[in-house]
Amino acid sequence: MDKRQEGLLGEEMAVRSLRQEGYKILERNYSNRFGEIDIIAEERDSLVFVEVKKRATGRFGGPFSAIDKRKKDHLIRTAMCYLKENKACNRRARFDVVGIEGDKLQIIKNAFLVGEDGR
């Protein structure tokens, strides 16, 4: 299985798990000039931007270690465009991460905050 197929499999696993947890999936693979967001969903009263990271093993760092400052910046900018395009700037929003290592899946809610690095 190539890297793209692995990624799609991971996203399918994430979508199933998120739905089981009560998330309503709004969009998948939303992209604009700043980047791509794997899943956009609603949970309760929040709009949720979800990044999915899948790793076969933790040998080169777990799935959460792949989300560095640069990746966060791209996600934030992409989400801001989404909010503006959809006239949703006044909505409560957050960033969740679904990490998959092997067949173990973990959802981290509020994985990071906008401005947490002093921006």
N, C-alpha and C. Protein backbone atom coordinates (compact mmCIF):
# COMPACT_ATOMS: atom_id res chain seq x y z
N MET A 1 0.85 -1.17 0.00
CA MET A 1 0.00 0.00 0.00
C MET A 1 0.90 1.24 0.00
N ASP A 2 0.63 2.18 -0.90
CA ASP A 2 1.46 3.38 -0.95
C ASP A 2 1.02 4.40 0.10
N LYS A 3 1.80 5.47 0.22
CA LYS A 3 1.59 6.48 1.27
C LYS A 3 0.21 7.14 1.16
N ARG A 4 -0.22 7.43 -0.06
CA ARG A 4 -1.52 8.07 -0.27
C ARG A 4 -2.66 7.15 0.19
N GLN A 5 -2.56 5.87 -0.16
CA GLN A 5 -3.58 4.90 0.24
C GLN A 5 -3.61 4.75 1.77
N GLU A 6 -2.43 4.76 2.39
CA GLU A 6 -2.36 4.69 3.86
C GLU A 6 -3.06 5.90 4.47
N GLY A 7 -2.83 7.07 3.88
CA GLY A 7 -3.47 8.28 4.38
C GLY A 7 -4.98 8.23 4.28
N LEU A 8 -5.48 7.74 3.14
CA LEU A 8 -6.93 7.62 2.95
C LEU A 8 -7.53 6.62 3.92
N LEU A 9 -6.83 5.52 4.15
CA LEU A 9 -7.29 4.53 5.11
C LEU A 9 -7.37 5.14 6.51
N GLY A 10 -6.35 5.92 6.88
CA GLY A 10 -6.35 6.60 8.17
C GLY A 10 -7.51 7.57 8.30
N GLU A 11 -7.80 8.32 7.24
CA GLU A 11 -8.92 9.26 7.29
C GLU A 11 -10.24 8.52 7.44
N GLU A 12 -10.40 7.39 6.77
CA GLU A 12 -11.63 6.60 6.92
C GLU A 12 -11.79 6.11 8.35
N MET A 13 -10.70 5.64 8.95
CA MET A 13 -10.73 5.21 10.35
C MET A 13 -11.13 6.38 11.25
N ALA A 14 -10.55 7.54 10.98
CA ALA A 14 -10.84 8.73 11.79
C ALA A 14 -12.30 9.13 11.67
N VAL A 15 -12.83 9.15 10.46
CA VAL A 15 -14.23 9.54 10.25
C VAL A 15 -15.16 8.60 11.01
N ARG A 16 -14.93 7.31 10.91
CA ARG A 16 -15.77 6.34 11.64
C ARG A 16 -15.72 6.60 13.14
N SER A 17 -14.52 6.81 13.67
CA SER A 17 -14.36 7.03 15.10
C SER A 17 -15.01 8.35 15.54
N LEU A 18 -14.80 9.39 14.75
CA LEU A 18 -15.40 10.69 15.09
C LEU A 18 -16.92 10.60 15.10
N ARG A 19 -17.48 9.93 14.11
CA ARG A 19 -18.95 9.76 14.09
C ARG A 19 -19.44 9.01 15.31
N GLN A 20 -18.71 7.98 15.71
CA GLN A 20 -19.08 7.21 16.91
C GLN A 20 -19.04 8.09 18.16
N GLU A 21 -18.17 9.09 18.16
CA GLU A 21 -18.04 10.01 19.29
C GLU A 21 -19.04 11.17 19.22
N GLY A 22 -19.87 11.20 18.17
CA GLY A 22 -20.91 12.22 18.07
C GLY A 22 -20.58 13.41 17.17
N TYR A 23 -19.47 13.37 16.47
CA TYR A 23 -19.13 14.43 15.54
C TYR A 23 -20.00 14.31 14.28
N LYS A 24 -20.38 15.43 13.73
CA LYS A 24 -21.08 15.47 12.44
C LYS A 24 -20.04 15.93 11.41
N ILE A 25 -19.74 15.10 10.43
CA ILE A 25 -18.73 15.43 9.42
C ILE A 25 -19.34 16.38 8.40
N LEU A 26 -18.70 17.54 8.21
CA LEU A 26 -19.18 18.54 7.26
C LEU A 26 -18.42 18.48 5.94
N GLU A 27 -17.10 18.36 6.04
CA GLU A 27 -16.26 18.35 4.84
C GLU A 27 -15.04 17.48 5.08
N ARG A 28 -14.52 16.97 3.96
CA ARG A 28 -13.26 16.23 4.01
C ARG A 28 -12.32 16.82 2.97
N ASN A 29 -11.07 16.88 3.33
CA ASN A 29 -10.02 17.37 2.44
C ASN A 29 -10.31 18.77 1.89
N TYR A 30 -10.71 19.66 2.78
CA TYR A 30 -10.91 21.06 2.40
C TYR A 30 -9.54 21.68 2.15
N SER A 31 -9.40 22.40 1.05
CA SER A 31 -8.11 23.05 0.80
C SER A 31 -8.30 24.44 0.21
N ASN A 32 -7.30 25.26 0.46
CA ASN A 32 -7.21 26.58 -0.14
C ASN A 32 -5.72 26.87 -0.32
N ARG A 33 -5.37 28.11 -0.62
CA ARG A 33 -3.97 28.41 -0.94
C ARG A 33 -3.01 28.22 0.24
N PHE A 34 -3.54 28.13 1.45
CA PHE A 34 -2.69 27.97 2.63
C PHE A 34 -2.42 26.51 2.99
N GLY A 35 -3.30 25.63 2.58
CA GLY A 35 -3.10 24.23 2.92
C GLY A 35 -4.38 23.43 2.86
N GLU A 36 -4.37 22.31 3.57
CA GLU A 36 -5.51 21.39 3.56
C GLU A 36 -5.86 21.00 4.99
N ILE A 37 -7.14 20.84 5.22
CA ILE A 37 -7.64 20.32 6.49
C ILE A 37 -8.32 19.00 6.18
N ASP A 38 -7.91 17.96 6.87
CA ASP A 38 -8.40 16.62 6.56
C ASP A 38 -9.90 16.49 6.76
N ILE A 39 -10.38 16.96 7.91
CA ILE A 39 -11.81 16.82 8.24
C ILE A 39 -12.29 18.09 8.93
N ILE A 40 -13.46 18.56 8.52
CA ILE A 40 -14.12 19.65 9.22
C ILE A 40 -15.44 19.07 9.72
N ALA A 41 -15.68 19.25 11.01
CA ALA A 41 -16.85 18.62 11.64
C ALA A 41 -17.48 19.58 12.64
N GLU A 42 -18.63 19.16 13.15
CA GLU A 42 -19.27 19.85 14.27
C GLU A 42 -19.36 18.85 15.41
N GLU A 43 -19.10 19.34 16.59
CA GLU A 43 -19.35 18.56 17.79
C GLU A 43 -20.00 19.50 18.79
N ARG A 44 -21.18 19.15 19.18
CA ARG A 44 -21.98 20.02 20.03
C ARG A 44 -22.07 21.40 19.40
N ASP A 45 -21.59 22.43 20.08
CA ASP A 45 -21.70 23.79 19.53
C ASP A 45 -20.40 24.28 18.89
N SER A 46 -19.46 23.38 18.66
CA SER A 46 -18.15 23.78 18.12
C SER A 46 -17.94 23.30 16.69
N LEU A 47 -17.30 24.15 15.92
CA LEU A 47 -16.79 23.77 14.62
C LEU A 47 -15.39 23.21 14.87
N VAL A 48 -15.10 22.04 14.34
CA VAL A 48 -13.86 21.36 14.67
C VAL A 48 -13.05 21.09 13.41
N PHE A 49 -11.81 21.56 13.41
CA PHE A 49 -10.87 21.31 12.33
C PHE A 49 -9.98 20.15 12.78
N VAL A 50 -10.01 19.06 12.02
CA VAL A 50 -9.35 17.83 12.45
C VAL A 50 -8.19 17.48 11.52
N GLU A 51 -7.04 17.29 12.10
CA GLU A 51 -5.86 16.80 11.38
C GLU A 51 -5.70 15.32 11.73
N VAL A 52 -5.50 14.50 10.71
CA VAL A 52 -5.32 13.07 10.90
C VAL A 52 -3.87 12.72 10.60
N LYS A 53 -3.22 12.04 11.53
CA LYS A 53 -1.84 11.59 11.34
C LYS A 53 -1.79 10.09 11.62
N LYS A 54 -1.32 9.34 10.64
CA LYS A 54 -1.23 7.89 10.77
C LYS A 54 0.23 7.46 10.62
N ARG A 55 0.66 6.59 11.52
CA ARG A 55 2.00 6.02 11.48
C ARG A 55 1.88 4.52 11.69
N ALA A 56 2.64 3.77 10.95
CA ALA A 56 2.62 2.31 11.12
C ALA A 56 3.20 1.94 12.47
N THR A 57 4.27 2.64 12.87
CA THR A 57 4.92 2.40 14.16
C THR A 57 5.39 3.74 14.71
N GLY A 58 5.86 3.75 15.95
CA GLY A 58 6.40 4.95 16.55
C GLY A 58 7.89 5.10 16.31
N ARG A 59 8.42 4.31 15.41
CA ARG A 59 9.87 4.27 15.19
C ARG A 59 10.47 5.65 14.87
N PHE A 60 9.78 6.43 14.07
CA PHE A 60 10.29 7.76 13.71
C PHE A 60 9.50 8.86 14.40
N GLY A 61 8.97 8.58 15.54
CA GLY A 61 8.14 9.53 16.26
C GLY A 61 6.69 9.17 16.03
N GLY A 62 5.88 9.37 17.04
CA GLY A 62 4.47 9.03 16.92
C GLY A 62 3.73 10.00 16.02
N PRO A 63 2.46 9.76 15.82
CA PRO A 63 1.68 10.61 14.91
C PRO A 63 1.60 12.06 15.36
N PHE A 64 1.60 12.30 16.66
CA PHE A 64 1.45 13.68 17.14
C PHE A 64 2.73 14.49 16.97
N SER A 65 3.86 13.82 16.88
CA SER A 65 5.12 14.54 16.70
C SER A 65 5.24 15.16 15.30
N ALA A 66 4.38 14.74 14.38
CA ALA A 66 4.41 15.27 13.01
C ALA A 66 3.75 16.63 12.89
N ILE A 67 3.12 17.11 13.96
CA ILE A 67 2.43 18.40 13.90
C ILE A 67 3.30 19.45 14.57
N ASP A 68 4.15 20.05 13.76
CA ASP A 68 5.09 21.05 14.26
C ASP A 68 4.50 22.45 14.08
N LYS A 69 5.27 23.46 14.44
CA LYS A 69 4.81 24.85 14.35
C LYS A 69 4.39 25.21 12.94
N ARG A 70 5.15 24.79 11.96
CA ARG A 70 4.84 25.10 10.55
C ARG A 70 3.48 24.50 10.16
N LYS A 71 3.24 23.25 10.54
CA LYS A 71 1.98 22.59 10.23
C LYS A 71 0.83 23.28 10.94
N LYS A 72 1.02 23.66 12.20
CA LYS A 72 -0.01 24.38 12.94
C LYS A 72 -0.35 25.70 12.24
N ASP A 73 0.68 26.43 11.81
CA ASP A 73 0.45 27.70 11.11
C ASP A 73 -0.40 27.50 9.86
N HIS A 74 -0.09 26.46 9.08
CA HIS A 74 -0.87 26.17 7.87
C HIS A 74 -2.32 25.82 8.23
N LEU A 75 -2.49 25.02 9.26
CA LEU A 75 -3.85 24.65 9.67
C LEU A 75 -4.64 25.87 10.13
N ILE A 76 -4.00 26.73 10.89
CA ILE A 76 -4.68 27.93 11.39
C ILE A 76 -5.09 28.84 10.23
N ARG A 77 -4.17 29.09 9.32
CA ARG A 77 -4.49 29.96 8.18
C ARG A 77 -5.60 29.36 7.31
N THR A 78 -5.52 28.07 7.09
CA THR A 78 -6.53 27.39 6.28
C THR A 78 -7.89 27.47 6.96
N ALA A 79 -7.92 27.25 8.27
CA ALA A 79 -9.17 27.32 9.03
C ALA A 79 -9.74 28.73 9.02
N MET A 80 -8.89 29.74 9.15
CA MET A 80 -9.37 31.14 9.12
C MET A 80 -10.06 31.44 7.80
N CYS A 81 -9.49 30.96 6.70
CA CYS A 81 -10.13 31.15 5.39
C CYS A 81 -11.48 30.44 5.34
N TYR A 82 -11.54 29.24 5.86
CA TYR A 82 -12.79 28.49 5.88
C TYR A 82 -13.86 29.27 6.65
N LEU A 83 -13.48 29.76 7.83
CA LEU A 83 -14.43 30.52 8.65
C LEU A 83 -14.94 31.76 7.91
N LYS A 84 -14.04 32.45 7.25
CA LYS A 84 -14.42 33.65 6.51
C LYS A 84 -15.32 33.30 5.33
N GLU A 85 -14.92 32.30 4.55
CA GLU A 85 -15.72 31.89 3.38
C GLU A 85 -17.12 31.46 3.77
N ASN A 86 -17.25 30.85 4.92
CA ASN A 86 -18.53 30.31 5.35
C ASN A 86 -19.26 31.21 6.36
N LYS A 87 -18.80 32.45 6.47
CA LYS A 87 -19.41 33.42 7.38
C LYS A 87 -19.64 32.81 8.77
N ALA A 88 -18.58 32.17 9.26
CA ALA A 88 -18.66 31.47 10.54
C ALA A 88 -17.65 32.01 11.54
N CYS A 89 -17.18 33.23 11.34
CA CYS A 89 -16.14 33.79 12.21
C CYS A 89 -16.58 33.91 13.66
N ASN A 90 -17.88 33.98 13.91
CA ASN A 90 -18.37 34.11 15.28
C ASN A 90 -18.61 32.77 15.97
N ARG A 91 -18.37 31.68 15.25
CA ARG A 91 -18.59 30.36 15.83
C ARG A 91 -17.43 29.94 16.73
N ARG A 92 -17.73 29.16 17.73
CA ARG A 92 -16.69 28.54 18.55
C ARG A 92 -16.00 27.50 17.67
N ALA A 93 -14.68 27.50 17.68
CA ALA A 93 -13.93 26.56 16.84
C ALA A 93 -12.73 26.04 17.63
N ARG A 94 -12.28 24.86 17.22
CA ARG A 94 -11.11 24.28 17.86
C ARG A 94 -10.40 23.35 16.88
N PHE A 95 -9.19 22.95 17.27
CA PHE A 95 -8.38 22.04 16.46
C PHE A 95 -8.22 20.73 17.23
N ASP A 96 -8.67 19.65 16.63
CA ASP A 96 -8.48 18.31 17.19
C ASP A 96 -7.50 17.56 16.30
N VAL A 97 -6.84 16.59 16.87
CA VAL A 97 -5.94 15.74 16.11
C VAL A 97 -6.34 14.28 16.37
N VAL A 98 -6.42 13.52 15.28
CA VAL A 98 -6.61 12.08 15.40
C VAL A 98 -5.28 11.45 15.06
N GLY A 99 -4.71 10.77 16.03
CA GLY A 99 -3.44 10.07 15.83
C GLY A 99 -3.69 8.58 15.74
N ILE A 100 -3.12 7.97 14.71
CA ILE A 100 -3.28 6.54 14.52
C ILE A 100 -1.89 5.92 14.43
N GLU A 101 -1.62 5.00 15.32
CA GLU A 101 -0.35 4.28 15.29
C GLU A 101 -0.69 2.79 15.24
N GLY A 102 -0.37 2.17 14.10
CA GLY A 102 -0.81 0.80 13.88
C GLY A 102 -2.31 0.79 13.76
N ASP A 103 -2.98 0.05 14.64
CA ASP A 103 -4.45 0.06 14.62
C ASP A 103 -5.03 0.76 15.86
N LYS A 104 -4.18 1.46 16.60
CA LYS A 104 -4.62 2.21 17.78
C LYS A 104 -4.91 3.66 17.39
N LEU A 105 -6.12 4.12 17.69
CA LEU A 105 -6.56 5.47 17.33
C LEU A 105 -6.82 6.27 18.60
N GLN A 106 -6.37 7.52 18.59
CA GLN A 106 -6.58 8.41 19.74
C GLN A 106 -7.02 9.77 19.22
N ILE A 107 -8.07 10.32 19.81
CA ILE A 107 -8.56 11.66 19.48
C ILE A 107 -8.10 12.62 20.57
N ILE A 108 -7.38 13.65 20.16
CA ILE A 108 -6.97 14.70 21.09
C ILE A 108 -7.80 15.94 20.79
N LYS A 109 -8.70 16.28 21.70
CA LYS A 109 -9.51 17.49 21.54
C LYS A 109 -8.70 18.70 21.98
N ASN A 110 -8.93 19.82 21.31
CA ASN A 110 -8.18 21.05 21.62
C ASN A 110 -6.69 20.77 21.63
N ALA A 111 -6.21 20.14 20.58
CA ALA A 111 -4.82 19.70 20.51
C ALA A 111 -3.84 20.88 20.61
N PHE A 112 -4.25 22.02 20.07
CA PHE A 112 -3.45 23.22 20.20
C PHE A 112 -4.37 24.41 20.06
N LEU A 113 -3.91 25.55 20.56
CA LEU A 113 -4.69 26.78 20.55
C LEU A 113 -4.07 27.80 19.62
N VAL A 114 -4.88 28.60 19.00
CA VAL A 114 -4.37 29.70 18.20
C VAL A 114 -3.73 30.70 19.15
N GLY A 115 -2.50 31.07 18.85
CA GLY A 115 -1.80 32.05 19.67
C GLY A 115 -1.04 31.46 20.83
N GLU A 116 -1.02 30.13 20.96
CA GLU A 116 -0.34 29.54 22.12
C GLU A 116 1.17 29.71 22.06
N ASP A 117 1.70 30.01 20.87
CA ASP A 117 3.15 30.20 20.73
C ASP A 117 3.53 31.68 20.72
N GLY A 118 2.59 32.51 21.19
CA GLY A 118 2.90 33.93 21.28
C GLY A 118 2.54 34.74 20.05
N ARG A 119 1.92 34.09 19.05
CA ARG A 119 1.53 34.84 17.85
C ARG A 119 0.28 35.61 18.11
